[in-house]
Amino acid sequence: MTLVRSGSDGPRISMIRLEPRTGRSHQLRVQCAKRGLPIVGDRTYGDFAANRGFARGGGPRRMFLHSLEVGLDYELGGRAFAFSARAPLPAEFERVG
């Protein structure tokens, strides 16, 4: 889950669910920025002026990108296994979103 800025009437924040398809480094951050939906707090690919305004307005100084769930299938000793882990949404997301 991530918070992104959008809208032409000034900055608006939306929470969106992203499902990466590859393990490429920074793929979600780059693709969001490329589509005009930079992740709040992203210091590399984000909207720098909007991030400064967000921080000045009392928003937490962090990137609003969170892995809600991760899962994978693997084989070990000829047996198939599935692993998954979930992490609750950080409180900052709840307050801002």
PDB file of N, CA and C in Angstrom:
ATOM      1  N   MET A   1       0.853  -1.169   0.000  1.00  0.00           N
ATOM      2  CA  MET A   1       0.000   0.000   0.000  1.00  0.00           C
ATOM      3  C   MET A   1       0.897   1.229   0.000  1.00  0.00           C
ATOM      4  N   THR A   2       0.418   2.264  -0.645  1.00  0.00           N
ATOM      5  CA  THR A   2       1.195   3.479  -0.716  1.00  0.00           C
ATOM      6  C   THR A   2       0.284   4.682  -0.777  1.00  0.00           C
ATOM      7  N   LEU A   3       0.766   5.788  -0.283  1.00  0.00           N
ATOM      8  CA  LEU A   3       0.046   7.048  -0.428  1.00  0.00           C
ATOM      9  C   LEU A   3       0.688   7.791  -1.574  1.00  0.00           C
ATOM     10  N   VAL A   4      -0.127   8.257  -2.508  1.00  0.00           N
ATOM     11  CA  VAL A   4       0.382   8.992  -3.654  1.00  0.00           C
ATOM     12  C   VAL A   4      -0.326  10.328  -3.752  1.00  0.00           C
ATOM     13  N   ARG A   5       0.374  11.279  -4.339  1.00  0.00           N
ATOM     14  CA  ARG A   5      -0.218  12.588  -4.581  1.00  0.00           C
ATOM     15  C   ARG A   5      -0.817  12.589  -5.967  1.00  0.00           C
ATOM     16  N   SER A   6      -1.980  13.196  -6.114  1.00  0.00           N
ATOM     17  CA  SER A   6      -2.608  13.276  -7.424  1.00  0.00           C
ATOM     18  C   SER A   6      -3.489  14.509  -7.482  1.00  0.00           C
ATOM     19  N   GLY A   7      -3.918  14.851  -8.682  1.00  0.00           N
ATOM     20  CA  GLY A   7      -4.881  15.928  -8.855  1.00  0.00           C
ATOM     21  C   GLY A   7      -4.257  17.207  -9.333  1.00  0.00           C
ATOM     22  N   SER A   8      -4.980  17.918 -10.175  1.00  0.00           N
ATOM     23  CA  SER A   8      -4.489  19.179 -10.707  1.00  0.00           C
ATOM     24  C   SER A   8      -4.971  20.371  -9.892  1.00  0.00           C
ATOM     25  N   ASP A   9      -5.894  20.161  -8.974  1.00  0.00           N
ATOM     26  CA  ASP A   9      -6.414  21.237  -8.136  1.00  0.00           C
ATOM     27  C   ASP A   9      -5.612  21.354  -6.849  1.00  0.00           C
ATOM     28  N   GLY A  10      -4.333  21.104  -6.911  1.00  0.00           N
ATOM     29  CA  GLY A  10      -3.504  21.093  -5.717  1.00  0.00           C
ATOM     30  C   GLY A  10      -3.306  19.664  -5.274  1.00  0.00           C
ATOM     31  N   PRO A  11      -2.397  19.469  -4.345  1.00  0.00           N
ATOM     32  CA  PRO A  11      -2.074  18.104  -3.938  1.00  0.00           C
ATOM     33  C   PRO A  11      -3.223  17.421  -3.200  1.00  0.00           C
ATOM     34  N   ARG A  12      -3.549  16.238  -3.635  1.00  0.00           N
ATOM     35  CA  ARG A  12      -4.490  15.369  -2.949  1.00  0.00           C
ATOM     36  C   ARG A  12      -3.753  14.072  -2.675  1.00  0.00           C
ATOM     37  N   ILE A  13      -4.184  13.362  -1.667  1.00  0.00           N
ATOM     38  CA  ILE A  13      -3.508  12.114  -1.308  1.00  0.00           C
ATOM     39  C   ILE A  13      -4.492  10.965  -1.455  1.00  0.00           C
ATOM     40  N   SER A  14      -4.032   9.903  -2.086  1.00  0.00           N
ATOM     41  CA  SER A  14      -4.835   8.691  -2.253  1.00  0.00           C
ATOM     42  C   SER A  14      -4.009   7.499  -1.815  1.00  0.00           C
ATOM     43  N   MET A  15      -4.674   6.504  -1.253  1.00  0.00           N
ATOM     44  CA  MET A  15      -3.988   5.266  -0.919  1.00  0.00           C
ATOM     45  C   MET A  15      -4.313   4.267  -2.025  1.00  0.00           C
ATOM     46  N   ILE A  16      -3.283   3.664  -2.583  1.00  0.00           N
ATOM     47  CA  ILE A  16      -3.492   2.682  -3.637  1.00  0.00           C
ATOM     48  C   ILE A  16      -2.756   1.392  -3.314  1.00  0.00           C
ATOM     49  N   ARG A  17      -3.255   0.316  -3.862  1.00  0.00           N
ATOM     50  CA  ARG A  17      -2.619  -0.993  -3.680  1.00  0.00           C
ATOM     51  C   ARG A  17      -1.842  -1.301  -4.953  1.00  0.00           C
ATOM     52  N   LEU A  18      -0.584  -1.630  -4.791  1.00  0.00           N
ATOM     53  CA  LEU A  18       0.282  -1.959  -5.913  1.00  0.00           C
ATOM     54  C   LEU A  18       0.675  -3.417  -5.800  1.00  0.00           C
ATOM     55  N   GLU A  19       0.728  -4.102  -6.923  1.00  0.00           N
ATOM     56  CA  GLU A  19       1.127  -5.508  -6.928  1.00  0.00           C
ATOM     57  C   GLU A  19       2.282  -5.686  -7.898  1.00  0.00           C
ATOM     58  N   PRO A  20       3.516  -5.657  -7.384  1.00  0.00           N
ATOM     59  CA  PRO A  20       4.687  -5.784  -8.263  1.00  0.00           C
ATOM     60  C   PRO A  20       4.718  -7.146  -8.946  1.00  0.00           C
ATOM     61  N   ARG A  21       5.204  -7.139 -10.177  1.00  0.00           N
ATOM     62  CA  ARG A  21       5.282  -8.366 -10.966  1.00  0.00           C
ATOM     63  C   ARG A  21       6.706  -8.885 -11.096  1.00  0.00           C
ATOM     64  N   THR A  22       7.695  -8.048 -10.814  1.00  0.00           N
ATOM     65  CA  THR A  22       9.091  -8.471 -10.895  1.00  0.00           C
ATOM     66  C   THR A  22       9.787  -8.038  -9.612  1.00  0.00           C
ATOM     67  N   GLY A  23      11.007  -8.441  -9.465  1.00  0.00           N
ATOM     68  CA  GLY A  23      11.783  -8.043  -8.303  1.00  0.00           C
ATOM     69  C   GLY A  23      12.691  -6.859  -8.587  1.00  0.00           C
ATOM     70  N   ARG A  24      12.375  -6.091  -9.620  1.00  0.00           N
ATOM     71  CA  ARG A  24      13.241  -4.973 -10.004  1.00  0.00           C
ATOM     72  C   ARG A  24      13.291  -3.908  -8.916  1.00  0.00           C
ATOM     73  N   SER A  25      14.476  -3.439  -8.656  1.00  0.00           N
ATOM     74  CA  SER A  25      14.701  -2.408  -7.647  1.00  0.00           C
ATOM     75  C   SER A  25      13.954  -1.119  -8.005  1.00  0.00           C
ATOM     76  N   HIS A  26      13.254  -0.571  -7.069  1.00  0.00           N
ATOM     77  CA  HIS A  26      12.557   0.718  -7.186  1.00  0.00           C
ATOM     78  C   HIS A  26      11.381   0.698  -8.159  1.00  0.00           C
ATOM     79  N   GLN A  27      10.944  -0.468  -8.651  1.00  0.00           N
ATOM     80  CA  GLN A  27       9.932  -0.497  -9.706  1.00  0.00           C
ATOM     81  C   GLN A  27       8.659   0.257  -9.343  1.00  0.00           C
ATOM     82  N   LEU A  28       8.168   0.108  -8.130  1.00  0.00           N
ATOM     83  CA  LEU A  28       6.918   0.769  -7.751  1.00  0.00           C
ATOM     84  C   LEU A  28       7.105   2.274  -7.687  1.00  0.00           C
ATOM     85  N   ARG A  29       8.201   2.710  -7.124  1.00  0.00           N
ATOM     86  CA  ARG A  29       8.471   4.145  -6.994  1.00  0.00           C
ATOM     87  C   ARG A  29       8.618   4.803  -8.357  1.00  0.00           C
ATOM     88  N   VAL A  30       9.363   4.175  -9.249  1.00  0.00           N
ATOM     89  CA  VAL A  30       9.595   4.724 -10.583  1.00  0.00           C
ATOM     90  C   VAL A  30       8.289   4.764 -11.373  1.00  0.00           C
ATOM     91  N   GLN A  31       7.536   3.687 -11.358  1.00  0.00           N
ATOM     92  CA  GLN A  31       6.308   3.621 -12.143  1.00  0.00           C
ATOM     93  C   GLN A  31       5.254   4.602 -11.632  1.00  0.00           C
ATOM     94  N   CYS A  32       5.157   4.772 -10.324  1.00  0.00           N
ATOM     95  CA  CYS A  32       4.210   5.763  -9.783  1.00  0.00           C
ATOM     96  C   CYS A  32       4.602   7.167 -10.236  1.00  0.00           C
ATOM     97  N   ALA A  33       5.868   7.514 -10.102  1.00  0.00           N
ATOM     98  CA  ALA A  33       6.342   8.843 -10.490  1.00  0.00           C
ATOM     99  C   ALA A  33       6.138   9.078 -11.982  1.00  0.00           C
ATOM    100  N   LYS A  34       6.418   8.070 -12.786  1.00  0.00           N
ATOM    101  CA  LYS A  34       6.279   8.168 -14.235  1.00  0.00           C
ATOM    102  C   LYS A  34       4.831   8.463 -14.652  1.00  0.00           C
ATOM    103  N   ARG A  35       3.880   8.015 -13.848  1.00  0.00           N
ATOM    104  CA  ARG A  35       2.461   8.213 -14.146  1.00  0.00           C
ATOM    105  C   ARG A  35       1.879   9.442 -13.455  1.00  0.00           C
ATOM    106  N   GLY A  36       2.744  10.264 -12.861  1.00  0.00           N
ATOM    107  CA  GLY A  36       2.272  11.478 -12.199  1.00  0.00           C
ATOM    108  C   GLY A  36       1.647  11.220 -10.842  1.00  0.00           C
ATOM    109  N   LEU A  37       1.985  10.084 -10.232  1.00  0.00           N
ATOM    110  CA  LEU A  37       1.467   9.711  -8.912  1.00  0.00           C
ATOM    111  C   LEU A  37       2.620   9.415  -7.961  1.00  0.00           C
ATOM    112  N   PRO A  38       3.469  10.413  -7.690  1.00  0.00           N
ATOM    113  CA  PRO A  38       4.636  10.139  -6.848  1.00  0.00           C
ATOM    114  C   PRO A  38       4.243   9.745  -5.427  1.00  0.00           C
ATOM    115  N   ILE A  39       5.016   8.846  -4.855  1.00  0.00           N
ATOM    116  CA  ILE A  39       4.763   8.387  -3.490  1.00  0.00           C
ATOM    117  C   ILE A  39       5.154   9.484  -2.509  1.00  0.00           C
ATOM    118  N   VAL A  40       4.273   9.751  -1.569  1.00  0.00           N
ATOM    119  CA  VAL A  40       4.528  10.772  -0.557  1.00  0.00           C
ATOM    120  C   VAL A  40       5.806  10.421   0.198  1.00  0.00           C
ATOM    121  N   GLY A  41       6.697  11.377   0.306  1.00  0.00           N
ATOM    122  CA  GLY A  41       7.936  11.195   1.058  1.00  0.00           C
ATOM    123  C   GLY A  41       9.085  10.579   0.275  1.00  0.00           C
ATOM    124  N   ASP A  42       8.868  10.237  -0.989  1.00  0.00           N
ATOM    125  CA  ASP A  42       9.944   9.638  -1.789  1.00  0.00           C
ATOM    126  C   ASP A  42      10.946  10.728  -2.150  1.00  0.00           C
ATOM    127  N   ARG A  43      12.149  10.626  -1.602  1.00  0.00           N
ATOM    128  CA  ARG A  43      13.174  11.661  -1.792  1.00  0.00           C
ATOM    129  C   ARG A  43      13.953  11.513  -3.093  1.00  0.00           C
ATOM    130  N   THR A  44      13.732  10.447  -3.819  1.00  0.00           N
ATOM    131  CA  THR A  44      14.436  10.238  -5.083  1.00  0.00           C
ATOM    132  C   THR A  44      13.530  10.490  -6.280  1.00  0.00           C
ATOM    133  N   TYR A  45      12.341   9.924  -6.274  1.00  0.00           N
ATOM    134  CA  TYR A  45      11.445  10.007  -7.424  1.00  0.00           C
ATOM    135  C   TYR A  45      10.198  10.844  -7.137  1.00  0.00           C
ATOM    136  N   GLY A  46      10.087  11.406  -5.949  1.00  0.00           N
ATOM    137  CA  GLY A  46       8.859  12.076  -5.541  1.00  0.00           C
ATOM    138  C   GLY A  46       8.717  13.516  -5.987  1.00  0.00           C
ATOM    139  N   ASP A  47       7.649  14.126  -5.523  1.00  0.00           N
ATOM    140  CA  ASP A  47       7.355  15.542  -5.749  1.00  0.00           C
ATOM    141  C   ASP A  47       7.988  16.295  -4.575  1.00  0.00           C
ATOM    142  N   PHE A  48       9.159  16.866  -4.813  1.00  0.00           N
ATOM    143  CA  PHE A  48       9.959  17.426  -3.720  1.00  0.00           C
ATOM    144  C   PHE A  48       9.280  18.591  -3.023  1.00  0.00           C
ATOM    145  N   ALA A  49       8.664  19.488  -3.784  1.00  0.00           N
ATOM    146  CA  ALA A  49       7.970  20.632  -3.186  1.00  0.00           C
ATOM    147  C   ALA A  49       6.786  20.155  -2.350  1.00  0.00           C
ATOM    148  N   ALA A  50       6.024  19.210  -2.872  1.00  0.00           N
ATOM    149  CA  ALA A  50       4.870  18.686  -2.127  1.00  0.00           C
ATOM    150  C   ALA A  50       5.324  17.970  -0.861  1.00  0.00           C
ATOM    151  N   ASN A  51       6.441  17.244  -0.932  1.00  0.00           N
ATOM    152  CA  ASN A  51       6.959  16.556   0.257  1.00  0.00           C
ATOM    153  C   ASN A  51       7.362  17.553   1.335  1.00  0.00           C
ATOM    154  N   ARG A  52       8.002  18.663   0.927  1.00  0.00           N
ATOM    155  CA  ARG A  52       8.374  19.691   1.914  1.00  0.00           C
ATOM    156  C   ARG A  52       7.126  20.288   2.560  1.00  0.00           C
ATOM    157  N   GLY A  53       6.113  20.577   1.752  1.00  0.00           N
ATOM    158  CA  GLY A  53       4.865  21.124   2.280  1.00  0.00           C
ATOM    159  C   GLY A  53       4.179  20.157   3.216  1.00  0.00           C
ATOM    160  N   PHE A  54       4.204  18.884   2.875  1.00  0.00           N
ATOM    161  CA  PHE A  54       3.603  17.849   3.715  1.00  0.00           C
ATOM    162  C   PHE A  54       4.311  17.812   5.068  1.00  0.00           C
ATOM    163  N   ALA A  55       5.638  17.838   5.058  1.00  0.00           N
ATOM    164  CA  ALA A  55       6.418  17.805   6.301  1.00  0.00           C
ATOM    165  C   ALA A  55       6.181  19.067   7.129  1.00  0.00           C
ATOM    166  N   ARG A  56       6.133  20.233   6.461  1.00  0.00           N
ATOM    167  CA  ARG A  56       5.873  21.486   7.187  1.00  0.00           C
ATOM    168  C   ARG A  56       4.488  21.491   7.812  1.00  0.00           C
ATOM    169  N   GLY A  57       3.542  20.811   7.176  1.00  0.00           N
ATOM    170  CA  GLY A  57       2.181  20.751   7.703  1.00  0.00           C
ATOM    171  C   GLY A  57       2.021  19.759   8.842  1.00  0.00           C
ATOM    172  N   GLY A  58       3.108  19.200   9.313  1.00  0.00           N
ATOM    173  CA  GLY A  58       3.053  18.275  10.443  1.00  0.00           C
ATOM    174  C   GLY A  58       3.015  16.814  10.050  1.00  0.00           C
ATOM    175  N   GLY A  59       3.111  16.538   8.756  1.00  0.00           N
ATOM    176  CA  GLY A  59       3.120  15.140   8.310  1.00  0.00           C
ATOM    177  C   GLY A  59       4.420  14.460   8.695  1.00  0.00           C
ATOM    178  N   PRO A  60       4.364  13.159   8.937  1.00  0.00           N
ATOM    179  CA  PRO A  60       5.584  12.419   9.273  1.00  0.00           C
ATOM    180  C   PRO A  60       6.613  12.498   8.153  1.00  0.00           C
ATOM    181  N   ARG A  61       7.874  12.522   8.518  1.00  0.00           N
ATOM    182  CA  ARG A  61       8.969  12.585   7.545  1.00  0.00           C
ATOM    183  C   ARG A  61       9.430  11.174   7.224  1.00  0.00           C
ATOM    184  N   ARG A  62       8.671  10.528   6.363  1.00  0.00           N
ATOM    185  CA  ARG A  62       8.986   9.164   5.955  1.00  0.00           C
ATOM    186  C   ARG A  62       8.369   8.925   4.589  1.00  0.00           C
ATOM    187  N   MET A  63       8.818   7.873   3.932  1.00  0.00           N
ATOM    188  CA  MET A  63       8.208   7.497   2.665  1.00  0.00           C
ATOM    189  C   MET A  63       6.987   6.637   2.968  1.00  0.00           C
ATOM    190  N   PHE A  64       5.878   6.949   2.335  1.00  0.00           N
ATOM    191  CA  PHE A  64       4.640   6.242   2.579  1.00  0.00           C
ATOM    192  C   PHE A  64       4.478   5.080   1.615  1.00  0.00           C
ATOM    193  N   LEU A  65       5.363   4.113   1.746  1.00  0.00           N
ATOM    194  CA  LEU A  65       5.333   2.887   0.973  1.00  0.00           C
ATOM    195  C   LEU A  65       5.463   1.746   1.976  1.00  0.00           C
ATOM    196  N   HIS A  66       4.553   0.787   1.910  1.00  0.00           N
ATOM    197  CA  HIS A  66       4.515  -0.272   2.914  1.00  0.00           C
ATOM    198  C   HIS A  66       4.171  -1.602   2.264  1.00  0.00           C
ATOM    199  N   SER A  67       4.881  -2.637   2.620  1.00  0.00           N
ATOM    200  CA  SER A  67       4.568  -3.980   2.140  1.00  0.00           C
ATOM    201  C   SER A  67       3.569  -4.605   3.101  1.00  0.00           C
ATOM    202  N   LEU A  68       2.328  -4.651   2.674  1.00  0.00           N
ATOM    203  CA  LEU A  68       1.251  -5.186   3.500  1.00  0.00           C
ATOM    204  C   LEU A  68       1.339  -6.707   3.608  1.00  0.00           C
ATOM    205  N   GLU A  69       1.703  -7.347   2.490  1.00  0.00           N
ATOM    206  CA  GLU A  69       1.807  -8.800   2.479  1.00  0.00           C
ATOM    207  C   GLU A  69       2.836  -9.235   1.444  1.00  0.00           C
ATOM    208  N   VAL A  70       3.561 -10.274   1.768  1.00  0.00           N
ATOM    209  CA  VAL A  70       4.514 -10.853   0.829  1.00  0.00           C
ATOM    210  C   VAL A  70       4.339 -12.373   0.883  1.00  0.00           C
ATOM    211  N   GLY A  71       4.462 -12.985  -0.260  1.00  0.00           N
ATOM    212  CA  GLY A  71       4.310 -14.436  -0.285  1.00  0.00           C
ATOM    213  C   GLY A  71       5.165 -15.044  -1.373  1.00  0.00           C
ATOM    214  N   LEU A  72       5.540 -16.301  -1.170  1.00  0.00           N
ATOM    215  CA  LEU A  72       6.305 -17.009  -2.189  1.00  0.00           C
ATOM    216  C   LEU A  72       6.128 -18.500  -2.013  1.00  0.00           C
ATOM    217  N   ASP A  73       6.276 -19.191  -3.128  1.00  0.00           N
ATOM    218  CA  ASP A  73       6.244 -20.649  -3.133  1.00  0.00           C
ATOM    219  C   ASP A  73       7.675 -21.126  -3.369  1.00  0.00           C
ATOM    220  N   TYR A  74       8.044 -22.207  -2.690  1.00  0.00           N
ATOM    221  CA  TYR A  74       9.396 -22.738  -2.878  1.00  0.00           C
ATOM    222  C   TYR A  74       9.388 -24.242  -2.662  1.00  0.00           C
ATOM    223  N   GLU A  75      10.464 -24.850  -3.086  1.00  0.00           N
ATOM    224  CA  GLU A  75      10.622 -26.294  -2.936  1.00  0.00           C
ATOM    225  C   GLU A  75      11.883 -26.565  -2.118  1.00  0.00           C
ATOM    226  N   LEU A  76      11.768 -27.527  -1.217  1.00  0.00           N
ATOM    227  CA  LEU A  76      12.898 -27.896  -0.382  1.00  0.00           C
ATOM    228  C   LEU A  76      12.838 -29.396  -0.138  1.00  0.00           C
ATOM    229  N   GLY A  77      13.897 -30.088  -0.469  1.00  0.00           N
ATOM    230  CA  GLY A  77      13.944 -31.532  -0.265  1.00  0.00           C
ATOM    231  C   GLY A  77      12.851 -32.273  -1.019  1.00  0.00           C
ATOM    232  N   GLY A  78      12.474 -31.748  -2.186  1.00  0.00           N
ATOM    233  CA  GLY A  78      11.450 -32.403  -2.993  1.00  0.00           C
ATOM    234  C   GLY A  78      10.022 -32.113  -2.569  1.00  0.00           C
ATOM    235  N   ARG A  79       9.848 -31.298  -1.539  1.00  0.00           N
ATOM    236  CA  ARG A  79       8.504 -30.937  -1.069  1.00  0.00           C
ATOM    237  C   ARG A  79       8.223 -29.481  -1.392  1.00  0.00           C
ATOM    238  N   ALA A  80       6.977 -29.179  -1.749  1.00  0.00           N
ATOM    239  CA  ALA A  80       6.558 -27.798  -2.064  1.00  0.00           C
ATOM    240  C   ALA A  80       6.050 -27.120  -0.800  1.00  0.00           C
ATOM    241  N   PHE A  81       6.428 -25.863  -0.630  1.00  0.00           N
ATOM    242  CA  PHE A  81       6.008 -25.060   0.514  1.00  0.00           C
ATOM    243  C   PHE A  81       5.525 -23.704   0.024  1.00  0.00           C
ATOM    244  N   ALA A  82       4.704 -23.086   0.829  1.00  0.00           N
ATOM    245  CA  ALA A  82       4.259 -21.718   0.566  1.00  0.00           C
ATOM    246  C   ALA A  82       4.540 -20.895   1.821  1.00  0.00           C
ATOM    247  N   PHE A  83       5.061 -19.730   1.641  1.00  0.00           N
ATOM    248  CA  PHE A  83       5.350 -18.823   2.759  1.00  0.00           C
ATOM    249  C   PHE A  83       4.627 -17.514   2.500  1.00  0.00           C
ATOM    250  N   SER A  84       4.051 -16.948   3.550  1.00  0.00           N
ATOM    251  CA  SER A  84       3.483 -15.600   3.445  1.00  0.00           C
ATOM    252  C   SER A  84       3.599 -14.913   4.791  1.00  0.00           C
ATOM    253  N   ALA A  85       3.682 -13.614   4.733  1.00  0.00           N
ATOM    254  CA  ALA A  85       3.760 -12.801   5.946  1.00  0.00           C
ATOM    255  C   ALA A  85       2.966 -11.528   5.714  1.00  0.00           C
ATOM    256  N   ARG A  86       2.304 -11.061   6.752  1.00  0.00           N
ATOM    257  CA  ARG A  86       1.521  -9.824   6.689  1.00  0.00           C
ATOM    258  C   ARG A  86       2.017  -8.867   7.762  1.00  0.00           C
ATOM    259  N   ALA A  87       1.955  -7.601   7.458  1.00  0.00           N
ATOM    260  CA  ALA A  87       2.320  -6.561   8.424  1.00  0.00           C
ATOM    261  C   ALA A  87       1.203  -5.526   8.417  1.00  0.00           C
ATOM    262  N   PRO A  88       0.679  -5.156   9.562  1.00  0.00           N
ATOM    263  CA  PRO A  88      -0.420  -4.194   9.590  1.00  0.00           C
ATOM    264  C   PRO A  88      -0.005  -2.846   9.017  1.00  0.00           C
ATOM    265  N   LEU A  89      -0.990  -2.120   8.550  1.00  0.00           N
ATOM    266  CA  LEU A  89      -0.755  -0.775   8.018  1.00  0.00           C
ATOM    267  C   LEU A  89      -0.218   0.116   9.141  1.00  0.00           C
ATOM    268  N   PRO A  90       0.859   0.861   8.911  1.00  0.00           N
ATOM    269  CA  PRO A  90       1.390   1.741   9.947  1.00  0.00           C
ATOM    270  C   PRO A  90       0.364   2.802  10.364  1.00  0.00           C
ATOM    271  N   ALA A  91       0.421   3.214  11.597  1.00  0.00           N
ATOM    272  CA  ALA A  91      -0.520   4.203  12.126  1.00  0.00           C
ATOM    273  C   ALA A  91      -0.481   5.503  11.323  1.00  0.00           C
ATOM    274  N   GLU A  92       0.692   5.884  10.815  1.00  0.00           N
ATOM    275  CA  GLU A  92       0.800   7.111  10.021  1.00  0.00           C
ATOM    276  C   GLU A  92      -0.108   7.074   8.796  1.00  0.00           C
ATOM    277  N   PHE A  93      -0.256   5.895   8.183  1.00  0.00           N
ATOM    278  CA  PHE A  93      -1.103   5.761   7.012  1.00  0.00           C
ATOM    279  C   PHE A  93      -2.564   5.985   7.402  1.00  0.00           C
ATOM    280  N   GLU A  94      -2.951   5.448   8.527  1.00  0.00           N
ATOM    281  CA  GLU A  94      -4.325   5.591   9.005  1.00  0.00           C
ATOM    282  C   GLU A  94      -4.672   7.061   9.271  1.00  0.00           C
ATOM    283  N   ARG A  95      -3.727   7.791   9.868  1.00  0.00           N
ATOM    284  CA  ARG A  95      -3.993   9.199  10.216  1.00  0.00           C
ATOM    285  C   ARG A  95      -4.041  10.091   8.984  1.00  0.00           C
ATOM    286  N   VAL A  96      -3.179   9.831   8.007  1.00  0.00           N
ATOM    287  CA  VAL A  96      -3.088  10.698   6.832  1.00  0.00           C
ATOM    288  C   VAL A  96      -4.127  10.311   5.805  1.00  0.00           C
ATOM    289  N   GLY A  97      -4.301   8.985   5.569  1.00  0.00           N
ATOM    290  CA  GLY A  97      -5.200   8.504   4.535  1.00  0.00           C
ATOM    291  C   GLY A  97      -6.606   8.841   4.839  1.00  0.00           C
TER     292      GLY A  97
END
